[in-house]
Amino acid sequence: ALANRLEKIRERGGIKGREIAQLLGTTPETVSRWNTGKTEPQ
């Protein structure tokens, strides 16, 4: 579900991964871990 939502943000909003991290107050590496299921967001 997280991976789907992140993909939707990238596709529909044109927002890049590093920008998603910026907007959410985290790092691109953390967003990548959410996307791959290695961890879940707080």
ModelCIF file with pLDDT and N, C-alpha, C, O atoms, coordinates in Angstrom:
data_MODEL
#
_entry.id   MODEL 
#
_entity.id                         1 
_entity.type                       polymer 
_entity.pdbx_number_of_molecules   1 
#
_entity_poly.entity_id                      1 
_entity_poly.type                           'polypeptide(L)' 
_entity_poly.nstd_linkage                   no 
_entity_poly.nstd_monomer                   no 
_entity_poly.pdbx_seq_one_letter_code       ALANRLEKIRERGGIKGREIAQLLGTTPETVSRWNTGKTEPQ 
_entity_poly.pdbx_seq_one_letter_code_can   ALANRLEKIRERGGIKGREIAQLLGTTPETVSRWNTGKTEPQ 
_entity_poly.pdbx_strand_id                 A 
#
loop_
_entity_poly_seq.entity_id 
_entity_poly_seq.num 
_entity_poly_seq.mon_id 
_entity_poly_seq.hetero 
1 1  ALA n 
1 2  LEU n 
1 3  ALA n 
1 4  ASN n 
1 5  ARG n 
1 6  LEU n 
1 7  GLU n 
1 8  LYS n 
1 9  ILE n 
1 10 ARG n 
1 11 GLU n 
1 12 ARG n 
1 13 GLY n 
1 14 GLY n 
1 15 ILE n 
1 16 LYS n 
1 17 GLY n 
1 18 ARG n 
1 19 GLU n 
1 20 ILE n 
1 21 ALA n 
1 22 GLN n 
1 23 LEU n 
1 24 LEU n 
1 25 GLY n 
1 26 THR n 
1 27 THR n 
1 28 PRO n 
1 29 GLU n 
1 30 THR n 
1 31 VAL n 
1 32 SER n 
1 33 ARG n 
1 34 TRP n 
1 35 ASN n 
1 36 THR n 
1 37 GLY n 
1 38 LYS n 
1 39 THR n 
1 40 GLU n 
1 41 PRO n 
1 42 GLN n 
#
_struct_asym.id          A 
_struct_asym.entity_id   1 
#
loop_
_ma_qa_metric.id 
_ma_qa_metric.mode 
_ma_qa_metric.name 
_ma_qa_metric.software_group_id 
_ma_qa_metric.type 
1 global pLDDT . pLDDT 
2 local  pLDDT . pLDDT 
#
_ma_qa_metric_global.metric_id      1 
_ma_qa_metric_global.metric_value   93.81 
_ma_qa_metric_global.model_id       1 
_ma_qa_metric_global.ordinal_id     1 
#
loop_
_ma_qa_metric_local.label_asym_id 
_ma_qa_metric_local.label_comp_id 
_ma_qa_metric_local.label_seq_id 
_ma_qa_metric_local.metric_id 
_ma_qa_metric_local.metric_value 
_ma_qa_metric_local.model_id 
_ma_qa_metric_local.ordinal_id 
A ALA 1  2 91.00 1 1  
A LEU 2  2 93.00 1 2  
A ALA 3  2 93.00 1 3  
A ASN 4  2 94.00 1 4  
A ARG 5  2 95.00 1 5  
A LEU 6  2 96.00 1 6  
A GLU 7  2 96.00 1 7  
A LYS 8  2 96.00 1 8  
A ILE 9  2 96.00 1 9  
A ARG 10 2 96.00 1 10 
A GLU 11 2 96.00 1 11 
A ARG 12 2 96.00 1 12 
A GLY 13 2 95.00 1 13 
A GLY 14 2 96.00 1 14 
A ILE 15 2 95.00 1 15 
A LYS 16 2 94.00 1 16 
A GLY 17 2 91.00 1 17 
A ARG 18 2 94.00 1 18 
A GLU 19 2 95.00 1 19 
A ILE 20 2 96.00 1 20 
A ALA 21 2 95.00 1 21 
A GLN 22 2 93.00 1 22 
A LEU 23 2 92.00 1 23 
A LEU 24 2 93.00 1 24 
A GLY 25 2 91.00 1 25 
A THR 26 2 94.00 1 26 
A THR 27 2 96.00 1 27 
A PRO 28 2 96.00 1 28 
A GLU 29 2 96.00 1 29 
A THR 30 2 96.00 1 30 
A VAL 31 2 95.00 1 31 
A SER 32 2 94.00 1 32 
A ARG 33 2 94.00 1 33 
A TRP 34 2 93.00 1 34 
A ASN 35 2 92.00 1 35 
A THR 36 2 90.00 1 36 
A GLY 37 2 88.00 1 37 
A LYS 38 2 90.00 1 38 
A THR 39 2 90.00 1 39 
A GLU 40 2 91.00 1 40 
A PRO 41 2 94.00 1 41 
A GLN 42 2 93.00 1 42 
#
loop_
_atom_site.group_PDB 
_atom_site.id 
_atom_site.type_symbol 
_atom_site.label_atom_id 
_atom_site.label_alt_id 
_atom_site.label_comp_id 
_atom_site.label_asym_id 
_atom_site.label_entity_id 
_atom_site.label_seq_id 
_atom_site.pdbx_PDB_ins_code 
_atom_site.Cartn_x 
_atom_site.Cartn_y 
_atom_site.Cartn_z 
_atom_site.occupancy 
_atom_site.B_iso_or_equiv 
_atom_site.pdbx_formal_charge 
_atom_site.auth_seq_id 
_atom_site.auth_comp_id 
_atom_site.auth_asym_id 
_atom_site.auth_atom_id 
_atom_site.pdbx_PDB_model_num 
ATOM 1   N N  . ALA A 1 1  ? 0.829  -1.207 0.000   1.00 91.00 ? 1  ALA A N  1 
ATOM 2   C CA . ALA A 1 1  ? 0.000  0.000  0.000   1.00 91.00 ? 1  ALA A CA 1 
ATOM 3   C C  . ALA A 1 1  ? 0.865  1.258  0.000   1.00 91.00 ? 1  ALA A C  1 
ATOM 4   O O  . ALA A 1 1  ? 0.573  2.219  -0.712  1.00 91.00 ? 1  ALA A O  1 
ATOM 5   N N  . LEU A 1 2  ? 1.936  1.247  0.807   1.00 93.00 ? 2  LEU A N  1 
ATOM 6   C CA . LEU A 1 2  ? 2.848  2.400  0.836   1.00 93.00 ? 2  LEU A CA 1 
ATOM 7   C C  . LEU A 1 2  ? 3.510  2.605  -0.517  1.00 93.00 ? 2  LEU A C  1 
ATOM 8   O O  . LEU A 1 2  ? 3.588  3.727  -1.019  1.00 93.00 ? 2  LEU A O  1 
ATOM 9   N N  . ALA A 1 3  ? 3.987  1.509  -1.105  1.00 93.00 ? 3  ALA A N  1 
ATOM 10  C CA . ALA A 1 3  ? 4.638  1.606  -2.414  1.00 93.00 ? 3  ALA A CA 1 
ATOM 11  C C  . ALA A 1 3  ? 3.666  2.173  -3.447  1.00 93.00 ? 3  ALA A C  1 
ATOM 12  O O  . ALA A 1 3  ? 4.055  2.995  -4.276  1.00 93.00 ? 3  ALA A O  1 
ATOM 13  N N  . ASN A 1 4  ? 2.408  1.741  -3.403  1.00 94.00 ? 4  ASN A N  1 
ATOM 14  C CA . ASN A 1 4  ? 1.404  2.256  -4.344  1.00 94.00 ? 4  ASN A CA 1 
ATOM 15  C C  . ASN A 1 4  ? 1.166  3.746  -4.147  1.00 94.00 ? 4  ASN A C  1 
ATOM 16  O O  . ASN A 1 4  ? 1.049  4.495  -5.117  1.00 94.00 ? 4  ASN A O  1 
ATOM 17  N N  . ARG A 1 5  ? 1.096  4.169  -2.906  1.00 95.00 ? 5  ARG A N  1 
ATOM 18  C CA . ARG A 1 5  ? 0.858  5.593  -2.625  1.00 95.00 ? 5  ARG A CA 1 
ATOM 19  C C  . ARG A 1 5  ? 2.045  6.449  -3.053  1.00 95.00 ? 5  ARG A C  1 
ATOM 20  O O  . ARG A 1 5  ? 1.865  7.534  -3.605  1.00 95.00 ? 5  ARG A O  1 
ATOM 21  N N  . LEU A 1 6  ? 3.242  5.968  -2.803  1.00 96.00 ? 6  LEU A N  1 
ATOM 22  C CA . LEU A 1 6  ? 4.445  6.707  -3.222  1.00 96.00 ? 6  LEU A CA 1 
ATOM 23  C C  . LEU A 1 6  ? 4.497  6.812  -4.746  1.00 96.00 ? 6  LEU A C  1 
ATOM 24  O O  . LEU A 1 6  ? 4.839  7.864  -5.287  1.00 96.00 ? 6  LEU A O  1 
ATOM 25  N N  . GLU A 1 7  ? 4.161  5.736  -5.426  1.00 96.00 ? 7  GLU A N  1 
ATOM 26  C CA . GLU A 1 7  ? 4.157  5.754  -6.885  1.00 96.00 ? 7  GLU A CA 1 
ATOM 27  C C  . GLU A 1 7  ? 3.106  6.735  -7.409  1.00 96.00 ? 7  GLU A C  1 
ATOM 28  O O  . GLU A 1 7  ? 3.350  7.458  -8.376  1.00 96.00 ? 7  GLU A O  1 
ATOM 29  N N  . LYS A 1 8  ? 1.947  6.756  -6.772  1.00 96.00 ? 8  LYS A N  1 
ATOM 30  C CA . LYS A 1 8  ? 0.883  7.684  -7.166  1.00 96.00 ? 8  LYS A CA 1 
ATOM 31  C C  . LYS A 1 8  ? 1.341  9.128  -7.013  1.00 96.00 ? 8  LYS A C  1 
ATOM 32  O O  . LYS A 1 8  ? 1.065  9.961  -7.877  1.00 96.00 ? 8  LYS A O  1 
ATOM 33  N N  . ILE A 1 9  ? 2.038  9.433  -5.921  1.00 96.00 ? 9  ILE A N  1 
ATOM 34  C CA . ILE A 1 9  ? 2.555  10.784 -5.700  1.00 96.00 ? 9  ILE A CA 1 
ATOM 35  C C  . ILE A 1 9  ? 3.555  11.147 -6.796  1.00 96.00 ? 9  ILE A C  1 
ATOM 36  O O  . ILE A 1 9  ? 3.544  12.264 -7.313  1.00 96.00 ? 9  ILE A O  1 
ATOM 37  N N  . ARG A 1 10 ? 4.419  10.189 -7.145  1.00 96.00 ? 10 ARG A N  1 
ATOM 38  C CA . ARG A 1 10 ? 5.409  10.458 -8.203  1.00 96.00 ? 10 ARG A CA 1 
ATOM 39  C C  . ARG A 1 10 ? 4.734  10.646 -9.565  1.00 96.00 ? 10 ARG A C  1 
ATOM 40  O O  . ARG A 1 10 ? 5.069  11.572 -10.303 1.00 96.00 ? 10 ARG A O  1 
ATOM 41  N N  . GLU A 1 11 ? 3.794  9.774  -9.890  1.00 96.00 ? 11 GLU A N  1 
ATOM 42  C CA . GLU A 1 11 ? 3.170  9.817  -11.212 1.00 96.00 ? 11 GLU A CA 1 
ATOM 43  C C  . GLU A 1 11 ? 2.189  10.980 -11.373 1.00 96.00 ? 11 GLU A C  1 
ATOM 44  O O  . GLU A 1 11 ? 2.274  11.733 -12.342 1.00 96.00 ? 11 GLU A O  1 
ATOM 45  N N  . ARG A 1 12 ? 1.270  11.126 -10.436 1.00 96.00 ? 12 ARG A N  1 
ATOM 46  C CA . ARG A 1 12 ? 0.217  12.140 -10.578 1.00 96.00 ? 12 ARG A CA 1 
ATOM 47  C C  . ARG A 1 12 ? 0.682  13.540 -10.210 1.00 96.00 ? 12 ARG A C  1 
ATOM 48  O O  . ARG A 1 12 ? 0.153  14.531 -10.713 1.00 96.00 ? 12 ARG A O  1 
ATOM 49  N N  . GLY A 1 13 ? 1.687  13.616 -9.319  1.00 95.00 ? 13 GLY A N  1 
ATOM 50  C CA . GLY A 1 13 ? 2.156  14.917 -8.875  1.00 95.00 ? 13 GLY A CA 1 
ATOM 51  C C  . GLY A 1 13 ? 3.482  15.341 -9.467  1.00 95.00 ? 13 GLY A C  1 
ATOM 52  O O  . GLY A 1 13 ? 3.929  16.469 -9.258  1.00 95.00 ? 13 GLY A O  1 
ATOM 53  N N  . GLY A 1 14 ? 4.119  14.435 -10.209 1.00 96.00 ? 14 GLY A N  1 
ATOM 54  C CA . GLY A 1 14 ? 5.415  14.758 -10.796 1.00 96.00 ? 14 GLY A CA 1 
ATOM 55  C C  . GLY A 1 14 ? 6.500  14.981 -9.747  1.00 96.00 ? 14 GLY A C  1 
ATOM 56  O O  . GLY A 1 14 ? 7.548  15.553 -10.045 1.00 96.00 ? 14 GLY A O  1 
ATOM 57  N N  . ILE A 1 15 ? 6.248  14.529 -8.522  1.00 95.00 ? 15 ILE A N  1 
ATOM 58  C CA . ILE A 1 15 ? 7.176  14.747 -7.414  1.00 95.00 ? 15 ILE A CA 1 
ATOM 59  C C  . ILE A 1 15 ? 8.243  13.660 -7.421  1.00 95.00 ? 15 ILE A C  1 
ATOM 60  O O  . ILE A 1 15 ? 7.927  12.471 -7.459  1.00 95.00 ? 15 ILE A O  1 
ATOM 61  N N  . LYS A 1 16 ? 9.493  14.069 -7.386  1.00 94.00 ? 16 LYS A N  1 
ATOM 62  C CA . LYS A 1 16 ? 10.610 13.128 -7.391  1.00 94.00 ? 16 LYS A CA 1 
ATOM 63  C C  . LYS A 1 16 ? 10.826 12.555 -5.988  1.00 94.00 ? 16 LYS A C  1 
ATOM 64  O O  . LYS A 1 16 ? 10.395 13.141 -4.995  1.00 94.00 ? 16 LYS A O  1 
ATOM 65  N N  . GLY A 1 17 ? 11.500 11.400 -5.920  1.00 91.00 ? 17 GLY A N  1 
ATOM 66  C CA . GLY A 1 17 ? 11.730 10.728 -4.648  1.00 91.00 ? 17 GLY A CA 1 
ATOM 67  C C  . GLY A 1 17 ? 12.376 11.603 -3.596  1.00 91.00 ? 17 GLY A C  1 
ATOM 68  O O  . GLY A 1 17 ? 11.954 11.602 -2.440  1.00 91.00 ? 17 GLY A O  1 
ATOM 69  N N  . ARG A 1 18 ? 13.398 12.351 -3.987  1.00 94.00 ? 18 ARG A N  1 
ATOM 70  C CA . ARG A 1 18 ? 14.089 13.213 -3.014  1.00 94.00 ? 18 ARG A CA 1 
ATOM 71  C C  . ARG A 1 18 ? 13.193 14.351 -2.549  1.00 94.00 ? 18 ARG A C  1 
ATOM 72  O O  . ARG A 1 18 ? 13.318 14.828 -1.421  1.00 94.00 ? 18 ARG A O  1 
ATOM 73  N N  . GLU A 1 19 ? 12.278 14.789 -3.431  1.00 95.00 ? 19 GLU A N  1 
ATOM 74  C CA . GLU A 1 19 ? 11.324 15.838 -3.061  1.00 95.00 ? 19 GLU A CA 1 
ATOM 75  C C  . GLU A 1 19 ? 10.258 15.294 -2.110  1.00 95.00 ? 19 GLU A C  1 
ATOM 76  O O  . GLU A 1 19 ? 9.807  15.999 -1.207  1.00 95.00 ? 19 GLU A O  1 
ATOM 77  N N  . ILE A 1 20 ? 9.860  14.042 -2.318  1.00 96.00 ? 20 ILE A N  1 
ATOM 78  C CA . ILE A 1 20 ? 8.920  13.412 -1.388  1.00 96.00 ? 20 ILE A CA 1 
ATOM 79  C C  . ILE A 1 20 ? 9.555  13.386 -0.004  1.00 96.00 ? 20 ILE A C  1 
ATOM 80  O O  . ILE A 1 20 ? 8.912  13.722 0.990   1.00 96.00 ? 20 ILE A O  1 
ATOM 81  N N  . ALA A 1 21 ? 10.817 12.986 0.053   1.00 95.00 ? 21 ALA A N  1 
ATOM 82  C CA . ALA A 1 21 ? 11.533 12.943 1.333   1.00 95.00 ? 21 ALA A CA 1 
ATOM 83  C C  . ALA A 1 21 ? 11.561 14.329 1.971   1.00 95.00 ? 21 ALA A C  1 
ATOM 84  O O  . ALA A 1 21 ? 11.311 14.467 3.168   1.00 95.00 ? 21 ALA A O  1 
ATOM 85  N N  . GLN A 1 22 ? 11.863 15.349 1.180   1.00 93.00 ? 22 GLN A N  1 
ATOM 86  C CA . GLN A 1 22 ? 11.904 16.726 1.673   1.00 93.00 ? 22 GLN A CA 1 
ATOM 87  C C  . GLN A 1 22 ? 10.549 17.126 2.245   1.00 93.00 ? 22 GLN A C  1 
ATOM 88  O O  . GLN A 1 22 ? 10.473 17.674 3.345   1.00 93.00 ? 22 GLN A O  1 
ATOM 89  N N  . LEU A 1 23 ? 9.483  16.855 1.501   1.00 92.00 ? 23 LEU A N  1 
ATOM 90  C CA . LEU A 1 23 ? 8.141  17.229 1.933   1.00 92.00 ? 23 LEU A CA 1 
ATOM 91  C C  . LEU A 1 23 ? 7.720  16.509 3.213   1.00 92.00 ? 23 LEU A C  1 
ATOM 92  O O  . LEU A 1 23 ? 6.965  17.053 4.019   1.00 92.00 ? 23 LEU A O  1 
ATOM 93  N N  . LEU A 1 24 ? 8.207  15.292 3.393   1.00 93.00 ? 24 LEU A N  1 
ATOM 94  C CA . LEU A 1 24 ? 7.832  14.500 4.558   1.00 93.00 ? 24 LEU A CA 1 
ATOM 95  C C  . LEU A 1 24 ? 8.804  14.643 5.716   1.00 93.00 ? 24 LEU A C  1 
ATOM 96  O O  . LEU A 1 24 ? 8.617  14.038 6.771   1.00 93.00 ? 24 LEU A O  1 
ATOM 97  N N  . GLY A 1 25 ? 9.851  15.450 5.514   1.00 91.00 ? 25 GLY A N  1 
ATOM 98  C CA . GLY A 1 25 ? 10.812 15.683 6.588   1.00 91.00 ? 25 GLY A CA 1 
ATOM 99  C C  . GLY A 1 25 ? 11.653 14.468 6.916   1.00 91.00 ? 25 GLY A C  1 
ATOM 100 O O  . GLY A 1 25 ? 11.917 14.182 8.084   1.00 91.00 ? 25 GLY A O  1 
ATOM 101 N N  . THR A 1 26 ? 12.075 13.753 5.885   1.00 94.00 ? 26 THR A N  1 
ATOM 102 C CA . THR A 1 26 ? 12.921 12.581 6.082   1.00 94.00 ? 26 THR A CA 1 
ATOM 103 C C  . THR A 1 26 ? 13.963 12.521 4.967   1.00 94.00 ? 26 THR A C  1 
ATOM 104 O O  . THR A 1 26 ? 14.120 13.481 4.213   1.00 94.00 ? 26 THR A O  1 
ATOM 105 N N  . THR A 1 27 ? 14.664 11.412 4.860   1.00 96.00 ? 27 THR A N  1 
ATOM 106 C CA . THR A 1 27 ? 15.720 11.283 3.849   1.00 96.00 ? 27 THR A CA 1 
ATOM 107 C C  . THR A 1 27 ? 15.236 10.448 2.668   1.00 96.00 ? 27 THR A C  1 
ATOM 108 O O  . THR A 1 27 ? 14.302 9.658  2.808   1.00 96.00 ? 27 THR A O  1 
ATOM 109 N N  . PRO A 1 28 ? 15.866 10.619 1.504   1.00 96.00 ? 28 PRO A N  1 
ATOM 110 C CA . PRO A 1 28 ? 15.515 9.780  0.354   1.00 96.00 ? 28 PRO A CA 1 
ATOM 111 C C  . PRO A 1 28 ? 15.727 8.289  0.649   1.00 96.00 ? 28 PRO A C  1 
ATOM 112 O O  . PRO A 1 28 ? 14.983 7.442  0.154   1.00 96.00 ? 28 PRO A O  1 
ATOM 113 N N  . GLU A 1 29 ? 16.731 7.979  1.444   1.00 96.00 ? 29 GLU A N  1 
ATOM 114 C CA . GLU A 1 29 ? 16.997 6.581  1.788   1.00 96.00 ? 29 GLU A CA 1 
ATOM 115 C C  . GLU A 1 29 ? 15.835 5.982  2.586   1.00 96.00 ? 29 GLU A C  1 
ATOM 116 O O  . GLU A 1 29 ? 15.458 4.827  2.384   1.00 96.00 ? 29 GLU A O  1 
ATOM 117 N N  . THR A 1 30 ? 15.276 6.785  3.493   1.00 96.00 ? 30 THR A N  1 
ATOM 118 C CA . THR A 1 30 ? 14.144 6.312  4.284   1.00 96.00 ? 30 THR A CA 1 
ATOM 119 C C  . THR A 1 30 ? 12.937 6.067  3.396   1.00 96.00 ? 30 THR A C  1 
ATOM 120 O O  . THR A 1 30 ? 12.256 5.053  3.547   1.00 96.00 ? 30 THR A O  1 
ATOM 121 N N  . VAL A 1 31 ? 12.663 6.975  2.477   1.00 95.00 ? 31 VAL A N  1 
ATOM 122 C CA . VAL A 1 31 ? 11.537 6.800  1.550   1.00 95.00 ? 31 VAL A CA 1 
ATOM 123 C C  . VAL A 1 31 ? 11.755 5.542  0.710   1.00 95.00 ? 31 VAL A C  1 
ATOM 124 O O  . VAL A 1 31 ? 10.810 4.800  0.443   1.00 95.00 ? 31 VAL A O  1 
ATOM 125 N N  . SER A 1 32 ? 12.982 5.308  0.299   1.00 94.00 ? 32 SER A N  1 
ATOM 126 C CA . SER A 1 32 ? 13.302 4.096  -0.461  1.00 94.00 ? 32 SER A CA 1 
ATOM 127 C C  . SER A 1 32 ? 13.023 2.839  0.367   1.00 94.00 ? 32 SER A C  1 
ATOM 128 O O  . SER A 1 32 ? 12.504 1.852  -0.155  1.00 94.00 ? 32 SER A O  1 
ATOM 129 N N  . ARG A 1 33 ? 13.367 2.877  1.652   1.00 94.00 ? 33 ARG A N  1 
ATOM 130 C CA . ARG A 1 33 ? 13.098 1.727  2.524   1.00 94.00 ? 33 ARG A CA 1 
ATOM 131 C C  . ARG A 1 33 ? 11.599 1.508  2.698   1.00 94.00 ? 33 ARG A C  1 
ATOM 132 O O  . ARG A 1 33 ? 11.146 0.366  2.773   1.00 94.00 ? 33 ARG A O  1 
ATOM 133 N N  . TRP A 1 34 ? 10.828 2.590  2.761   1.00 93.00 ? 34 TRP A N  1 
ATOM 134 C CA . TRP A 1 34 ? 9.368  2.447  2.829   1.00 93.00 ? 34 TRP A CA 1 
ATOM 135 C C  . TRP A 1 34 ? 8.860  1.799  1.546   1.00 93.00 ? 34 TRP A C  1 
ATOM 136 O O  . TRP A 1 34 ? 8.015  0.905  1.578   1.00 93.00 ? 34 TRP A O  1 
ATOM 137 N N  . ASN A 1 35 ? 9.389  2.264  0.420   1.00 92.00 ? 35 ASN A N  1 
ATOM 138 C CA . ASN A 1 35 ? 8.953  1.799  -0.889  1.00 92.00 ? 35 ASN A CA 1 
ATOM 139 C C  . ASN A 1 35 ? 9.236  0.314  -1.093  1.00 92.00 ? 35 ASN A C  1 
ATOM 140 O O  . ASN A 1 35 ? 8.464  -0.380 -1.755  1.00 92.00 ? 35 ASN A O  1 
ATOM 141 N N  . THR A 1 36 ? 10.323 -0.169 -0.536  1.00 90.00 ? 36 THR A N  1 
ATOM 142 C CA . THR A 1 36 ? 10.699 -1.578 -0.708  1.00 90.00 ? 36 THR A CA 1 
ATOM 143 C C  . THR A 1 36 ? 10.196 -2.462 0.423   1.00 90.00 ? 36 THR A C  1 
ATOM 144 O O  . THR A 1 36 ? 10.407 -3.674 0.399   1.00 90.00 ? 36 THR A O  1 
ATOM 145 N N  . GLY A 1 37 ? 9.535  -1.873 1.411   1.00 88.00 ? 37 GLY A N  1 
ATOM 146 C CA . GLY A 1 37 ? 8.979  -2.657 2.503   1.00 88.00 ? 37 GLY A CA 1 
ATOM 147 C C  . GLY A 1 37 ? 9.968  -3.014 3.590   1.00 88.00 ? 37 GLY A C  1 
ATOM 148 O O  . GLY A 1 37 ? 9.665  -3.840 4.451   1.00 88.00 ? 37 GLY A O  1 
ATOM 149 N N  . LYS A 1 38 ? 11.151 -2.405 3.568   1.00 90.00 ? 38 LYS A N  1 
ATOM 150 C CA . LYS A 1 38 ? 12.153 -2.703 4.592   1.00 90.00 ? 38 LYS A CA 1 
ATOM 151 C C  . LYS A 1 38 ? 11.793 -2.086 5.936   1.00 90.00 ? 38 LYS A C  1 
ATOM 152 O O  . LYS A 1 38 ? 12.215 -2.573 6.985   1.00 90.00 ? 38 LYS A O  1 
ATOM 153 N N  . THR A 1 39 ? 11.015 -1.016 5.898   1.00 90.00 ? 39 THR A N  1 
ATOM 154 C CA . THR A 1 39 ? 10.564 -0.353 7.122   1.00 90.00 ? 39 THR A CA 1 
ATOM 155 C C  . THR A 1 39 ? 9.269  0.393  6.815   1.00 90.00 ? 39 THR A C  1 
ATOM 156 O O  . THR A 1 39 ? 8.923  0.608  5.653   1.00 90.00 ? 39 THR A O  1 
ATOM 157 N N  . GLU A 1 40 ? 8.570  0.778  7.858   1.00 91.00 ? 40 GLU A N  1 
ATOM 158 C CA . GLU A 1 40 ? 7.342  1.552  7.702   1.00 91.00 ? 40 GLU A CA 1 
ATOM 159 C C  . GLU A 1 40 ? 7.539  2.924  8.345   1.00 91.00 ? 40 GLU A C  1 
ATOM 160 O O  . GLU A 1 40 ? 8.324  3.071  9.281   1.00 91.00 ? 40 GLU A O  1 
ATOM 161 N N  . PRO A 1 41 ? 6.827  3.921  7.841   1.00 94.00 ? 41 PRO A N  1 
ATOM 162 C CA . PRO A 1 41 ? 6.985  5.265  8.403   1.00 94.00 ? 41 PRO A CA 1 
ATOM 163 C C  . PRO A 1 41 ? 6.436  5.357  9.830   1.00 94.00 ? 41 PRO A C  1 
ATOM 164 O O  . PRO A 1 41 ? 5.506  4.645  10.209  1.00 94.00 ? 41 PRO A O  1 
ATOM 165 N N  . GLN A 1 42 ? 7.037  6.247  10.596  1.00 93.00 ? 42 GLN A N  1 
ATOM 166 C CA . GLN A 1 42 ? 6.503  6.580  11.911  1.00 93.00 ? 42 GLN A CA 1 
ATOM 167 C C  . GLN A 1 42 ? 5.131  7.221  11.696  1.00 93.00 ? 42 GLN A C  1 
ATOM 168 O O  . GLN A 1 42 ? 4.467  7.596  12.663  1.00 93.00 ? 42 GLN A O  1 
#
